[in-house]
Amino acid sequence: MKLVETTNPRAHARSTTIWNEGTHQHELELARHLQFHLIGMYHAEVGPEWSSDGKLESDYLHHIDIPLSGHRQIVHNGRVVDLLPGRAYYLPGNTPVERRCSTTSQLLYLKIRCEWLRGIDPLMDRPERTPTPLGETNPEDWLHWHHNNPSINANHLLSLHAQVEIWMAAILPDLDSLVSQHVKNHSTFKKVFAMVEDQLGANLKVSMLAKAYGTGLRAFSKAFTTDVGVSPKEFINRRLNQEAITLLLNDNLKIKEVADQLEFANEFYFSRFFKKLNGVSPAQYRQRFRKGR
């Protein structure tokens, strides 16, 4: 179709530019490359069993908690956050917290992950990360996600994705400083991260990453651990576990099929790996979410 500009210039005679791609190219690039991936939405009716009994527990993925009824609490570094209807809450991944609940409560929660450099979550290792209240919500407006589950379509998910970005933009630190530090810490290993994403599986070895980086195994491991903050093996296991969780939340896949996709020798070795990192077997983890916990 031929595109023709027919607007009379007089219609914009008194307009002034607030910003455009030329004046804010750097800022647009920062915002454009920061991506929030929606992993799933879940409904739960919980009671005292939701409590962690004084223990500190965490998830590999970020959560957005949307209380529908009741009263629950999250405790992080001695700070108590009341989870009450009328507001959403950001619960960062990789952040051990105590959970408290004494009465029946209903909630929706989202599992999300963030990405700027490919496969790397800039929010996961921020030392300042903490449970944070987000924008106000009306529980009635969110019930349709639970009641109209079969009719959810791409337009609904587009709207939800936009809401998540609005919430997160309001609580994130300055993107320029956040991303600059993130890139400074990780850009040296950009080729390594790309290899992890392209060949992610149980048979991916640290020696293969060292070869891609161009140094010996020892020198690579030391440099990677210093700059990234975790060892290469721990990084591979973290990404492998994140991918395993994402696949397990897909009820259409059998656990053996998840193990095969992630290139484990068999289901037994996959289950042993998963339980070591998550404290429960893949079957128990999946069952927990089927029950709405």
C-alpha atoms as a PDB file:
ATOM      1  CA  MET A   1       0.000   0.000   0.000  1.00  0.00           C
ATOM      2  CA  LYS A   2       1.338   3.419  -0.968  1.00  0.00           C
ATOM      3  CA  LEU A   3       1.773   5.759   1.994  1.00  0.00           C
ATOM      4  CA  VAL A   4       0.859   9.372   1.349  1.00  0.00           C
ATOM      5  CA  GLU A   5       1.138  12.304   3.763  1.00  0.00           C
ATOM      6  CA  THR A   6      -1.932  14.476   3.207  1.00  0.00           C
ATOM      7  CA  THR A   7      -2.079  16.434   6.460  1.00  0.00           C
ATOM      8  CA  ASN A   8      -2.026  20.163   5.838  1.00  0.00           C
ATOM      9  CA  PRO A   9       1.101  21.670   7.493  1.00  0.00           C
ATOM     10  CA  ARG A  10      -1.081  24.422   8.948  1.00  0.00           C
ATOM     11  CA  ALA A  11      -2.584  21.824  11.302  1.00  0.00           C
ATOM     12  CA  HIS A  12       0.764  21.650  13.129  1.00  0.00           C
ATOM     13  CA  ALA A  13       1.819  25.262  12.740  1.00  0.00           C
ATOM     14  CA  ARG A  14       1.851  25.899  16.490  1.00  0.00           C
ATOM     15  CA  SER A  15       3.291  22.562  17.619  1.00  0.00           C
ATOM     16  CA  THR A  16       6.652  22.268  19.377  1.00  0.00           C
ATOM     17  CA  THR A  17       8.791  19.169  19.797  1.00  0.00           C
ATOM     18  CA  ILE A  18       8.934  17.750  23.320  1.00  0.00           C
ATOM     19  CA  TRP A  19      11.183  14.863  22.311  1.00  0.00           C
ATOM     20  CA  ASN A  20      11.911  12.645  19.309  1.00  0.00           C
ATOM     21  CA  GLU A  21      14.297   9.872  18.298  1.00  0.00           C
ATOM     22  CA  GLY A  22      17.013  12.403  17.599  1.00  0.00           C
ATOM     23  CA  THR A  23      16.900  14.174  20.963  1.00  0.00           C
ATOM     24  CA  HIS A  24      16.453  11.081  23.156  1.00  0.00           C
ATOM     25  CA  GLN A  25      18.056   8.236  21.211  1.00  0.00           C
ATOM     26  CA  HIS A  26      20.129   7.043  24.181  1.00  0.00           C
ATOM     27  CA  GLU A  27      17.151   6.972  26.543  1.00  0.00           C
ATOM     28  CA  LEU A  28      15.002   5.185  23.966  1.00  0.00           C
ATOM     29  CA  GLU A  29      17.667   2.509  23.530  1.00  0.00           C
ATOM     30  CA  LEU A  30      17.802   1.917  27.272  1.00  0.00           C
ATOM     31  CA  ALA A  31      14.025   1.580  27.528  1.00  0.00           C
ATOM     32  CA  ARG A  32      13.687  -0.467  24.338  1.00  0.00           C
ATOM     33  CA  HIS A  33      16.178  -3.155  25.336  1.00  0.00           C
ATOM     34  CA  LEU A  34      14.927  -3.614  28.894  1.00  0.00           C
ATOM     35  CA  GLN A  35      12.407  -6.431  28.584  1.00  0.00           C
ATOM     36  CA  PHE A  36      10.013  -7.978  31.075  1.00  0.00           C
ATOM     37  CA  HIS A  37       9.011 -11.530  30.204  1.00  0.00           C
ATOM     38  CA  LEU A  38       5.702 -12.820  31.559  1.00  0.00           C
ATOM     39  CA  ILE A  39       6.135 -16.448  32.648  1.00  0.00           C
ATOM     40  CA  GLY A  40       2.660 -17.088  34.049  1.00  0.00           C
ATOM     41  CA  MET A  41      -0.244 -15.913  36.202  1.00  0.00           C
ATOM     42  CA  TYR A  42      -1.630 -17.985  39.071  1.00  0.00           C
ATOM     43  CA  HIS A  43      -4.600 -17.841  41.436  1.00  0.00           C
ATOM     44  CA  ALA A  44      -4.261 -19.131  44.976  1.00  0.00           C
ATOM     45  CA  GLU A  45      -6.388 -19.478  48.082  1.00  0.00           C
ATOM     46  CA  VAL A  46      -3.999 -19.865  50.993  1.00  0.00           C
ATOM     47  CA  GLY A  47      -4.020 -20.046  54.767  1.00  0.00           C
ATOM     48  CA  PRO A  48      -1.455 -20.748  57.490  1.00  0.00           C
ATOM     49  CA  GLU A  49       0.269 -23.269  55.195  1.00  0.00           C
ATOM     50  CA  TRP A  50       1.515 -20.277  53.146  1.00  0.00           C
ATOM     51  CA  SER A  51       3.694 -19.250  56.091  1.00  0.00           C
ATOM     52  CA  SER A  52       7.357 -20.233  55.999  1.00  0.00           C
ATOM     53  CA  ASP A  53       7.418 -20.899  59.775  1.00  0.00           C
ATOM     54  CA  GLY A  54      10.199 -18.405  60.408  1.00  0.00           C
ATOM     55  CA  LYS A  55      12.408 -19.745  57.616  1.00  0.00           C
ATOM     56  CA  LEU A  56      13.802 -17.558  54.840  1.00  0.00           C
ATOM     57  CA  GLU A  57      12.800 -18.800  51.380  1.00  0.00           C
ATOM     58  CA  SER A  58      13.097 -17.389  47.872  1.00  0.00           C
ATOM     59  CA  ASP A  59      12.197 -18.044  44.247  1.00  0.00           C
ATOM     60  CA  TYR A  60      14.461 -17.881  41.210  1.00  0.00           C
ATOM     61  CA  LEU A  61      11.882 -15.713  39.417  1.00  0.00           C
ATOM     62  CA  HIS A  62      10.434 -12.323  40.325  1.00  0.00           C
ATOM     63  CA  HIS A  63       6.819 -12.254  41.544  1.00  0.00           C
ATOM     64  CA  ILE A  64       4.156  -9.582  41.349  1.00  0.00           C
ATOM     65  CA  ASP A  65       1.641 -10.317  44.113  1.00  0.00           C
ATOM     66  CA  ILE A  66      -1.930  -9.013  43.703  1.00  0.00           C
ATOM     67  CA  PRO A  67      -3.933  -9.647  46.920  1.00  0.00           C
ATOM     68  CA  LEU A  68      -7.668 -10.189  46.420  1.00  0.00           C
ATOM     69  CA  SER A  69      -8.662 -10.774  50.050  1.00  0.00           C
ATOM     70  CA  GLY A  70      -7.181 -11.430  53.476  1.00  0.00           C
ATOM     71  CA  HIS A  71      -3.938 -10.296  55.070  1.00  0.00           C
ATOM     72  CA  ARG A  72      -0.444 -11.714  54.626  1.00  0.00           C
ATOM     73  CA  GLN A  73       3.021 -10.434  55.459  1.00  0.00           C
ATOM     74  CA  ILE A  74       6.513 -10.627  53.975  1.00  0.00           C
ATOM     75  CA  VAL A  75       9.549  -9.975  56.181  1.00  0.00           C
ATOM     76  CA  HIS A  76      12.851  -8.961  54.581  1.00  0.00           C
ATOM     77  CA  ASN A  77      15.874  -7.857  56.609  1.00  0.00           C
ATOM     78  CA  GLY A  78      13.614  -7.143  59.576  1.00  0.00           C
ATOM     79  CA  ARG A  79      11.238  -4.967  57.526  1.00  0.00           C
ATOM     80  CA  VAL A  80       7.605  -6.123  57.476  1.00  0.00           C
ATOM     81  CA  VAL A  81       5.536  -5.572  54.325  1.00  0.00           C
ATOM     82  CA  ASP A  82       1.775  -6.070  54.710  1.00  0.00           C
ATOM     83  CA  LEU A  83       0.218  -7.658  51.621  1.00  0.00           C
ATOM     84  CA  LEU A  84      -3.293  -6.209  51.520  1.00  0.00           C
ATOM     85  CA  PRO A  85      -5.989  -5.939  48.824  1.00  0.00           C
ATOM     86  CA  GLY A  86      -5.928  -2.646  46.954  1.00  0.00           C
ATOM     87  CA  ARG A  87      -2.283  -2.686  45.890  1.00  0.00           C
ATOM     88  CA  ALA A  88       0.150  -4.875  43.962  1.00  0.00           C
ATOM     89  CA  TYR A  89       3.566  -5.817  45.329  1.00  0.00           C
ATOM     90  CA  TYR A  90       6.905  -6.598  43.695  1.00  0.00           C
ATOM     91  CA  LEU A  91       8.714  -9.554  45.286  1.00  0.00           C
ATOM     92  CA  PRO A  92      12.182  -9.769  43.707  1.00  0.00           C
ATOM     93  CA  GLY A  93      13.680 -13.108  42.796  1.00  0.00           C
ATOM     94  CA  ASN A  94      16.756 -14.481  44.541  1.00  0.00           C
ATOM     95  CA  THR A  95      15.689 -12.622  47.706  1.00  0.00           C
ATOM     96  CA  PRO A  96      15.070 -14.789  50.799  1.00  0.00           C
ATOM     97  CA  VAL A  97      12.062 -13.640  52.840  1.00  0.00           C
ATOM     98  CA  GLU A  98       9.892 -14.908  55.668  1.00  0.00           C
ATOM     99  CA  ARG A  99       6.200 -15.383  54.812  1.00  0.00           C
ATOM    100  CA  ARG A 100       3.414 -14.972  57.378  1.00  0.00           C
ATOM    101  CA  CYS A 101      -0.277 -15.812  57.051  1.00  0.00           C
ATOM    102  CA  SER A 102      -2.788 -16.702  59.770  1.00  0.00           C
ATOM    103  CA  THR A 103      -6.113 -16.385  57.928  1.00  0.00           C
ATOM    104  CA  THR A 104      -7.541 -17.431  54.573  1.00  0.00           C
ATOM    105  CA  SER A 105      -6.444 -15.147  51.746  1.00  0.00           C
ATOM    106  CA  GLN A 106      -6.901 -15.087  47.980  1.00  0.00           C
ATOM    107  CA  LEU A 107      -4.390 -13.711  45.527  1.00  0.00           C
ATOM    108  CA  LEU A 108      -3.239 -13.586  41.954  1.00  0.00           C
ATOM    109  CA  TYR A 109       0.466 -13.553  41.285  1.00  0.00           C
ATOM    110  CA  LEU A 110       2.631 -13.177  38.230  1.00  0.00           C
ATOM    111  CA  LYS A 111       5.987 -14.803  37.632  1.00  0.00           C
ATOM    112  CA  ILE A 112       8.267 -12.597  35.546  1.00  0.00           C
ATOM    113  CA  ARG A 113      11.896 -12.230  34.598  1.00  0.00           C
ATOM    114  CA  CYS A 114      13.809  -9.228  33.328  1.00  0.00           C
ATOM    115  CA  GLU A 115      16.461  -8.999  30.624  1.00  0.00           C
ATOM    116  CA  TRP A 116      18.732  -6.368  29.099  1.00  0.00           C
ATOM    117  CA  LEU A 117      21.789  -8.269  27.936  1.00  0.00           C
ATOM    118  CA  ARG A 118      20.639 -11.564  26.501  1.00  0.00           C
ATOM    119  CA  GLY A 119      19.840 -14.083  29.215  1.00  0.00           C
ATOM    120  CA  ILE A 120      21.000 -11.798  32.056  1.00  0.00           C
ATOM    121  CA  ASP A 121      18.571 -10.339  34.591  1.00  0.00           C
ATOM    122  CA  PRO A 122      19.833  -6.890  35.714  1.00  0.00           C
ATOM    123  CA  LEU A 123      17.515  -6.922  38.738  1.00  0.00           C
ATOM    124  CA  MET A 124      18.457 -10.346  40.081  1.00  0.00           C
ATOM    125  CA  ASP A 125      21.747  -9.435  41.752  1.00  0.00           C
ATOM    126  CA  ARG A 126      21.053  -5.831  42.791  1.00  0.00           C
ATOM    127  CA  PRO A 127      22.092  -5.603  46.465  1.00  0.00           C
ATOM    128  CA  GLU A 128      19.290  -3.060  47.034  1.00  0.00           C
ATOM    129  CA  ARG A 129      16.527  -5.395  45.881  1.00  0.00           C
ATOM    130  CA  THR A 130      13.675  -5.658  48.380  1.00  0.00           C
ATOM    131  CA  PRO A 131       9.903  -6.350  48.386  1.00  0.00           C
ATOM    132  CA  THR A 132       8.245  -3.135  47.212  1.00  0.00           C
ATOM    133  CA  PRO A 133       4.629  -1.893  46.985  1.00  0.00           C
ATOM    134  CA  LEU A 134       3.518  -1.097  43.432  1.00  0.00           C
ATOM    135  CA  GLY A 135       0.471   0.802  42.185  1.00  0.00           C
ATOM    136  CA  GLU A 136      -3.045   0.677  43.540  1.00  0.00           C
ATOM    137  CA  THR A 137      -5.374  -2.080  42.330  1.00  0.00           C
ATOM    138  CA  ASN A 138      -9.066  -2.879  42.508  1.00  0.00           C
ATOM    139  CA  PRO A 139      -9.477  -6.602  43.277  1.00  0.00           C
ATOM    140  CA  GLU A 140     -12.744  -6.652  41.306  1.00  0.00           C
ATOM    141  CA  ASP A 141     -10.866  -5.587  38.173  1.00  0.00           C
ATOM    142  CA  TRP A 142      -8.519  -8.558  38.467  1.00  0.00           C
ATOM    143  CA  LEU A 143     -11.024 -11.317  39.165  1.00  0.00           C
ATOM    144  CA  HIS A 144     -11.800 -11.691  35.455  1.00  0.00           C
ATOM    145  CA  TRP A 145      -8.371 -13.267  34.964  1.00  0.00           C
ATOM    146  CA  HIS A 146      -9.456 -16.106  37.238  1.00  0.00           C
ATOM    147  CA  HIS A 147     -13.080 -16.379  36.103  1.00  0.00           C
ATOM    148  CA  ASN A 148     -12.457 -15.965  32.355  1.00  0.00           C
ATOM    149  CA  ASN A 149      -9.380 -18.158  32.099  1.00  0.00           C
ATOM    150  CA  PRO A 150     -10.366 -19.960  28.841  1.00  0.00           C
ATOM    151  CA  SER A 151     -11.053 -16.690  27.010  1.00  0.00           C
ATOM    152  CA  ILE A 152      -7.697 -14.995  27.702  1.00  0.00           C
ATOM    153  CA  ASN A 153      -6.222 -13.809  24.414  1.00  0.00           C
ATOM    154  CA  ALA A 154      -3.170 -11.940  23.127  1.00  0.00           C
ATOM    155  CA  ASN A 155      -4.828  -8.545  23.610  1.00  0.00           C
ATOM    156  CA  HIS A 156      -5.359  -9.275  27.304  1.00  0.00           C
ATOM    157  CA  LEU A 157      -1.717 -10.289  27.668  1.00  0.00           C
ATOM    158  CA  LEU A 158      -0.572  -7.158  25.827  1.00  0.00           C
ATOM    159  CA  SER A 159      -2.531  -5.043  28.308  1.00  0.00           C
ATOM    160  CA  LEU A 160      -1.103  -7.014  31.232  1.00  0.00           C
ATOM    161  CA  HIS A 161       2.426  -6.614  29.901  1.00  0.00           C
ATOM    162  CA  ALA A 162       1.930  -2.848  29.645  1.00  0.00           C
ATOM    163  CA  GLN A 163       0.671  -2.723  33.240  1.00  0.00           C
ATOM    164  CA  VAL A 164       3.737  -4.614  34.471  1.00  0.00           C
ATOM    165  CA  GLU A 165       6.026  -2.166  32.658  1.00  0.00           C
ATOM    166  CA  ILE A 166       4.165   0.815  34.173  1.00  0.00           C
ATOM    167  CA  TRP A 167       4.496  -0.650  37.660  1.00  0.00           C
ATOM    168  CA  MET A 168       8.170  -1.509  37.285  1.00  0.00           C
ATOM    169  CA  ALA A 169       9.103   1.821  35.690  1.00  0.00           C
ATOM    170  CA  ALA A 170       7.776   3.571  38.801  1.00  0.00           C
ATOM    171  CA  ILE A 171      10.052   1.677  41.226  1.00  0.00           C
ATOM    172  CA  LEU A 172      13.211   1.039  39.205  1.00  0.00           C
ATOM    173  CA  PRO A 173      16.289   3.156  39.890  1.00  0.00           C
ATOM    174  CA  ASP A 174      17.598   5.429  37.136  1.00  0.00           C
ATOM    175  CA  LEU A 175      17.880   3.185  34.076  1.00  0.00           C
ATOM    176  CA  ASP A 176      21.040   4.905  32.857  1.00  0.00           C
ATOM    177  CA  SER A 177      22.964   4.023  36.011  1.00  0.00           C
ATOM    178  CA  LEU A 178      21.326   0.596  36.362  1.00  0.00           C
ATOM    179  CA  VAL A 179      22.099  -0.499  32.810  1.00  0.00           C
ATOM    180  CA  SER A 180      25.534   1.160  32.708  1.00  0.00           C
ATOM    181  CA  GLN A 181      26.653  -0.801  35.756  1.00  0.00           C
ATOM    182  CA  HIS A 182      25.010  -3.941  34.378  1.00  0.00           C
ATOM    183  CA  VAL A 183      26.805  -3.619  31.039  1.00  0.00           C
ATOM    184  CA  LYS A 184      30.096  -2.736  32.741  1.00  0.00           C
ATOM    185  CA  ASN A 185      29.911  -5.933  34.774  1.00  0.00           C
ATOM    186  CA  HIS A 186      28.807  -8.207  31.954  1.00  0.00           C
ATOM    187  CA  SER A 187      29.704  -6.880  28.480  1.00  0.00           C
ATOM    188  CA  THR A 188      33.166  -8.484  28.576  1.00  0.00           C
ATOM    189  CA  PHE A 189      31.431 -11.852  28.563  1.00  0.00           C
ATOM    190  CA  LYS A 190      28.772 -11.052  25.966  1.00  0.00           C
ATOM    191  CA  LYS A 191      29.956 -13.895  23.707  1.00  0.00           C
ATOM    192  CA  VAL A 192      29.890 -16.284  26.680  1.00  0.00           C
ATOM    193  CA  PHE A 193      26.330 -15.317  27.629  1.00  0.00           C
ATOM    194  CA  ALA A 194      25.211 -15.790  24.028  1.00  0.00           C
ATOM    195  CA  MET A 195      26.735 -19.265  24.032  1.00  0.00           C
ATOM    196  CA  VAL A 196      24.928 -20.149  27.265  1.00  0.00           C
ATOM    197  CA  GLU A 197      21.597 -19.136  25.719  1.00  0.00           C
ATOM    198  CA  ASP A 198      22.252 -20.909  22.411  1.00  0.00           C
ATOM    199  CA  GLN A 199      23.554 -24.150  23.931  1.00  0.00           C
ATOM    200  CA  LEU A 200      21.842 -24.168  27.336  1.00  0.00           C
ATOM    201  CA  GLY A 201      21.653 -27.731  28.588  1.00  0.00           C
ATOM    202  CA  ALA A 202      23.047 -30.122  31.170  1.00  0.00           C
ATOM    203  CA  ASN A 203      25.949 -31.008  28.865  1.00  0.00           C
ATOM    204  CA  LEU A 204      27.210 -27.407  28.586  1.00  0.00           C
ATOM    205  CA  LYS A 205      30.650 -27.348  30.221  1.00  0.00           C
ATOM    206  CA  VAL A 206      32.622 -24.455  31.694  1.00  0.00           C
ATOM    207  CA  SER A 207      35.558 -25.528  29.506  1.00  0.00           C
ATOM    208  CA  MET A 208      33.411 -24.830  26.425  1.00  0.00           C
ATOM    209  CA  LEU A 209      32.733 -21.297  27.689  1.00  0.00           C
ATOM    210  CA  ALA A 210      36.432 -20.749  28.406  1.00  0.00           C
ATOM    211  CA  LYS A 211      37.275 -21.774  24.846  1.00  0.00           C
ATOM    212  CA  ALA A 212      34.715 -19.311  23.466  1.00  0.00           C
ATOM    213  CA  TYR A 213      36.182 -16.603  25.704  1.00  0.00           C
ATOM    214  CA  GLY A 214      39.672 -17.370  24.415  1.00  0.00           C
ATOM    215  CA  THR A 215      41.577 -18.218  27.603  1.00  0.00           C
ATOM    216  CA  GLY A 216      42.370 -21.204  29.749  1.00  0.00           C
ATOM    217  CA  LEU A 217      39.792 -22.638  32.120  1.00  0.00           C
ATOM    218  CA  ARG A 218      41.395 -21.278  35.285  1.00  0.00           C
ATOM    219  CA  ALA A 219      41.863 -17.717  33.998  1.00  0.00           C
ATOM    220  CA  PHE A 220      38.345 -17.638  32.584  1.00  0.00           C
ATOM    221  CA  SER A 221      36.732 -18.878  35.799  1.00  0.00           C
ATOM    222  CA  LYS A 222      38.588 -16.307  37.883  1.00  0.00           C
ATOM    223  CA  ALA A 223      37.746 -13.395  35.571  1.00  0.00           C
ATOM    224  CA  PHE A 224      34.099 -14.439  35.235  1.00  0.00           C
ATOM    225  CA  THR A 225      33.591 -14.856  38.980  1.00  0.00           C
ATOM    226  CA  THR A 226      35.218 -11.478  39.698  1.00  0.00           C
ATOM    227  CA  ASP A 227      33.154  -9.522  37.158  1.00  0.00           C
ATOM    228  CA  VAL A 228      29.801 -11.331  37.290  1.00  0.00           C
ATOM    229  CA  GLY A 229      29.747 -12.200  40.986  1.00  0.00           C
ATOM    230  CA  VAL A 230      29.078 -15.928  40.576  1.00  0.00           C
ATOM    231  CA  SER A 231      31.185 -18.753  39.207  1.00  0.00           C
ATOM    232  CA  PRO A 232      30.621 -19.944  35.614  1.00  0.00           C
ATOM    233  CA  LYS A 233      29.228 -23.247  36.906  1.00  0.00           C
ATOM    234  CA  GLU A 234      26.810 -21.481  39.248  1.00  0.00           C
ATOM    235  CA  PHE A 235      25.706 -19.211  36.406  1.00  0.00           C
ATOM    236  CA  ILE A 236      25.010 -22.173  34.111  1.00  0.00           C
ATOM    237  CA  ASN A 237      23.083 -23.936  36.877  1.00  0.00           C
ATOM    238  CA  ARG A 238      21.063 -20.801  37.609  1.00  0.00           C
ATOM    239  CA  ARG A 239      20.035 -20.401  33.976  1.00  0.00           C
ATOM    240  CA  LEU A 240      19.356 -24.116  33.646  1.00  0.00           C
ATOM    241  CA  ASN A 241      17.157 -24.011  36.728  1.00  0.00           C
ATOM    242  CA  GLN A 242      15.272 -20.945  35.491  1.00  0.00           C
ATOM    243  CA  GLU A 243      14.576 -22.704  32.201  1.00  0.00           C
ATOM    244  CA  ALA A 244      13.532 -25.878  34.028  1.00  0.00           C
ATOM    245  CA  ILE A 245      11.031 -23.923  36.129  1.00  0.00           C
ATOM    246  CA  THR A 246       9.584 -22.272  33.023  1.00  0.00           C
ATOM    247  CA  LEU A 247       9.165 -25.647  31.296  1.00  0.00           C
ATOM    248  CA  LEU A 248       7.666 -27.304  34.388  1.00  0.00           C
ATOM    249  CA  LEU A 249       4.970 -24.647  34.537  1.00  0.00           C
ATOM    250  CA  ASN A 250       3.829 -25.956  31.144  1.00  0.00           C
ATOM    251  CA  ASP A 251       1.496 -28.813  32.099  1.00  0.00           C
ATOM    252  CA  ASN A 252       1.641 -30.198  28.551  1.00  0.00           C
ATOM    253  CA  LEU A 253       5.201 -31.434  29.062  1.00  0.00           C
ATOM    254  CA  LYS A 254       5.982 -34.596  30.980  1.00  0.00           C
ATOM    255  CA  ILE A 255       8.894 -34.355  33.399  1.00  0.00           C
ATOM    256  CA  LYS A 256      10.878 -36.760  31.215  1.00  0.00           C
ATOM    257  CA  GLU A 257      10.290 -34.424  28.258  1.00  0.00           C
ATOM    258  CA  VAL A 258      11.577 -31.473  30.299  1.00  0.00           C
ATOM    259  CA  ALA A 259      14.668 -33.507  31.191  1.00  0.00           C
ATOM    260  CA  ASP A 260      15.178 -34.384  27.514  1.00  0.00           C
ATOM    261  CA  GLN A 261      14.800 -30.767  26.358  1.00  0.00           C
ATOM    262  CA  LEU A 262      17.438 -29.692  28.861  1.00  0.00           C
ATOM    263  CA  GLU A 263      19.705 -32.548  27.731  1.00  0.00           C
ATOM    264  CA  PHE A 264      19.945 -34.412  31.025  1.00  0.00           C
ATOM    265  CA  ALA A 265      21.022 -38.042  30.700  1.00  0.00           C
ATOM    266  CA  ASN A 266      17.708 -39.153  32.183  1.00  0.00           C
ATOM    267  CA  GLU A 267      14.839 -38.060  34.415  1.00  0.00           C
ATOM    268  CA  PHE A 268      16.643 -39.213  37.577  1.00  0.00           C
ATOM    269  CA  TYR A 269      19.615 -36.887  37.069  1.00  0.00           C
ATOM    270  CA  PHE A 270      17.301 -34.003  36.224  1.00  0.00           C
ATOM    271  CA  SER A 271      15.253 -34.584  39.391  1.00  0.00           C
ATOM    272  CA  ARG A 272      18.395 -34.713  41.512  1.00  0.00           C
ATOM    273  CA  PHE A 273      19.686 -31.454  39.994  1.00  0.00           C
ATOM    274  CA  PHE A 274      16.330 -29.714  40.447  1.00  0.00           C
ATOM    275  CA  LYS A 275      15.842 -30.827  44.054  1.00  0.00           C
ATOM    276  CA  LYS A 276      19.345 -29.677  44.984  1.00  0.00           C
ATOM    277  CA  LEU A 277      18.576 -26.144  43.795  1.00  0.00           C
ATOM    278  CA  ASN A 278      14.912 -25.870  44.808  1.00  0.00           C
ATOM    279  CA  GLY A 279      14.509 -28.182  47.786  1.00  0.00           C
ATOM    280  CA  VAL A 280      11.714 -30.178  46.138  1.00  0.00           C
ATOM    281  CA  SER A 281      11.489 -32.583  43.211  1.00  0.00           C
ATOM    282  CA  PRO A 282      10.150 -31.426  39.819  1.00  0.00           C
ATOM    283  CA  ALA A 283       6.931 -33.370  40.449  1.00  0.00           C
ATOM    284  CA  GLN A 284       6.438 -31.721  43.855  1.00  0.00           C
ATOM    285  CA  TYR A 285       7.176 -28.287  42.402  1.00  0.00           C
ATOM    286  CA  ARG A 286       4.618 -28.746  39.651  1.00  0.00           C
ATOM    287  CA  GLN A 287       2.034 -30.127  42.084  1.00  0.00           C
ATOM    288  CA  ARG A 288       2.477 -27.089  44.309  1.00  0.00           C
ATOM    289  CA  PHE A 289       1.358 -24.789  41.509  1.00  0.00           C
ATOM    290  CA  ARG A 290      -1.476 -27.042  40.429  1.00  0.00           C
ATOM    291  CA  LYS A 291      -2.809 -26.609  43.959  1.00  0.00           C
ATOM    292  CA  GLY A 292      -2.382 -22.841  43.675  1.00  0.00           C
ATOM    293  CA  ARG A 293       0.423 -22.375  46.190  1.00  0.00           C
END
